[in-house]
Amino acid sequence: MPQDWWPMPWFGMIFGPIIMIVFLVIAVMLGLALMRAFGMAPPWWSHRSDPPGQESGGRALEILEECFAKGEIDKEEFAEKKRLLSR
């Protein structure tokens, strides 16, 4: 008695692993997004664009000093903006 197997198309062997990998990637990204939403994100996935150890105020002060050195702003404007940045 011959065994009748349901004929499986050849593309099932290709798309099966691909769909599994896509599902795993989506699951990991969803998990990381939830961790970030609750403040438990890993340090390498941070919403800050500043390098570690350097605060945004420090970079702003450097830019302000460069503008003052180039003569784009005067001493009074430099002092006012520096005072605002140091808050």
Protein backbone atom coordinates (compact mmCIF):
# COMPACT_ATOMS: atom_id res chain seq x y z
CA MET A 1 0.00 0.00 0.00
CA PRO A 2 1.63 3.28 -1.07
CA GLN A 3 1.92 6.06 1.43
CA ASP A 4 0.29 9.25 0.28
CA TRP A 5 2.17 12.30 1.48
CA TRP A 6 0.64 15.69 1.11
CA PRO A 7 2.83 17.36 -1.50
CA MET A 8 4.71 20.19 0.19
CA PRO A 9 5.83 22.94 -2.14
CA TRP A 10 9.56 23.54 -2.30
CA PHE A 11 9.31 27.17 -1.16
CA GLY A 12 8.10 26.05 2.27
CA MET A 13 11.63 24.92 3.04
CA ILE A 14 12.97 28.38 2.20
CA PHE A 15 10.34 30.66 3.73
CA GLY A 16 9.98 28.70 6.96
CA PRO A 17 13.41 29.58 8.39
CA ILE A 18 13.21 33.12 7.02
CA ILE A 19 9.88 33.74 8.75
CA MET A 20 11.27 32.26 11.97
CA ILE A 21 14.27 34.61 11.88
CA VAL A 22 12.05 37.62 11.12
CA PHE A 23 9.77 36.66 14.02
CA LEU A 24 12.73 36.39 16.42
CA VAL A 25 14.13 39.77 15.32
CA ILE A 26 10.73 41.42 15.83
CA ALA A 27 10.38 39.77 19.26
CA VAL A 28 13.82 41.00 20.38
CA MET A 29 13.19 44.53 19.11
CA LEU A 30 9.80 44.62 20.82
CA GLY A 31 11.41 43.47 24.05
CA LEU A 32 14.11 46.15 23.83
CA ALA A 33 11.49 48.81 23.04
CA LEU A 34 9.51 47.80 26.14
CA MET A 35 12.66 47.85 28.24
CA ARG A 36 13.45 51.34 26.96
CA ALA A 37 9.90 52.50 27.66
CA PHE A 38 10.21 51.38 31.29
CA GLY A 39 13.70 52.83 31.74
CA MET A 40 15.58 49.53 31.72
CA ALA A 41 17.28 49.89 28.33
CA PRO A 42 20.78 48.54 27.89
CA PRO A 43 23.46 51.24 27.96
CA TRP A 44 24.30 50.79 24.29
CA TRP A 45 20.70 51.64 23.28
CA SER A 46 20.19 55.06 24.74
CA HIS A 47 18.12 57.97 23.52
CA ARG A 48 20.97 60.38 24.21
CA SER A 49 23.15 61.38 21.30
CA ASP A 50 26.03 62.66 23.44
CA PRO A 51 29.05 60.45 23.99
CA PRO A 52 29.23 58.82 27.43
CA GLY A 53 30.65 61.08 30.10
CA GLN A 54 29.94 64.27 28.19
CA GLU A 55 26.80 66.19 28.98
CA SER A 56 24.98 68.27 26.40
CA GLY A 57 25.69 71.44 28.37
CA GLY A 58 29.43 70.83 28.06
CA ARG A 59 29.25 70.62 24.28
CA ALA A 60 27.07 73.73 24.13
CA LEU A 61 29.64 75.60 26.19
CA GLU A 62 32.41 74.49 23.81
CA ILE A 63 30.43 75.79 20.83
CA LEU A 64 29.78 79.07 22.66
CA GLU A 65 33.50 79.45 23.39
CA GLU A 66 34.32 78.78 19.73
CA CYS A 67 31.87 81.48 18.62
CA PHE A 68 33.42 83.92 21.08
CA ALA A 69 36.92 83.05 19.91
CA LYS A 70 35.93 83.62 16.27
CA GLY A 71 34.45 87.00 17.17
CA GLU A 72 30.90 86.05 16.22
CA ILE A 73 29.58 87.20 19.60
CA ASP A 74 30.81 89.89 21.96
CA LYS A 75 31.87 89.58 25.60
CA GLU A 76 28.51 90.61 27.06
CA GLU A 77 26.57 88.13 24.92
CA PHE A 78 29.10 85.41 25.80
CA ALA A 79 28.70 86.10 29.53
CA GLU A 80 24.88 86.09 29.29
CA LYS A 81 24.73 82.80 27.35
CA LYS A 82 27.35 81.19 29.59
CA ARG A 83 25.27 82.14 32.63
CA LEU A 84 22.18 80.58 31.03
CA LEU A 85 24.05 77.37 30.19
CA SER A 86 25.48 76.97 33.67
CA ARG A 87 22.01 76.69 35.27
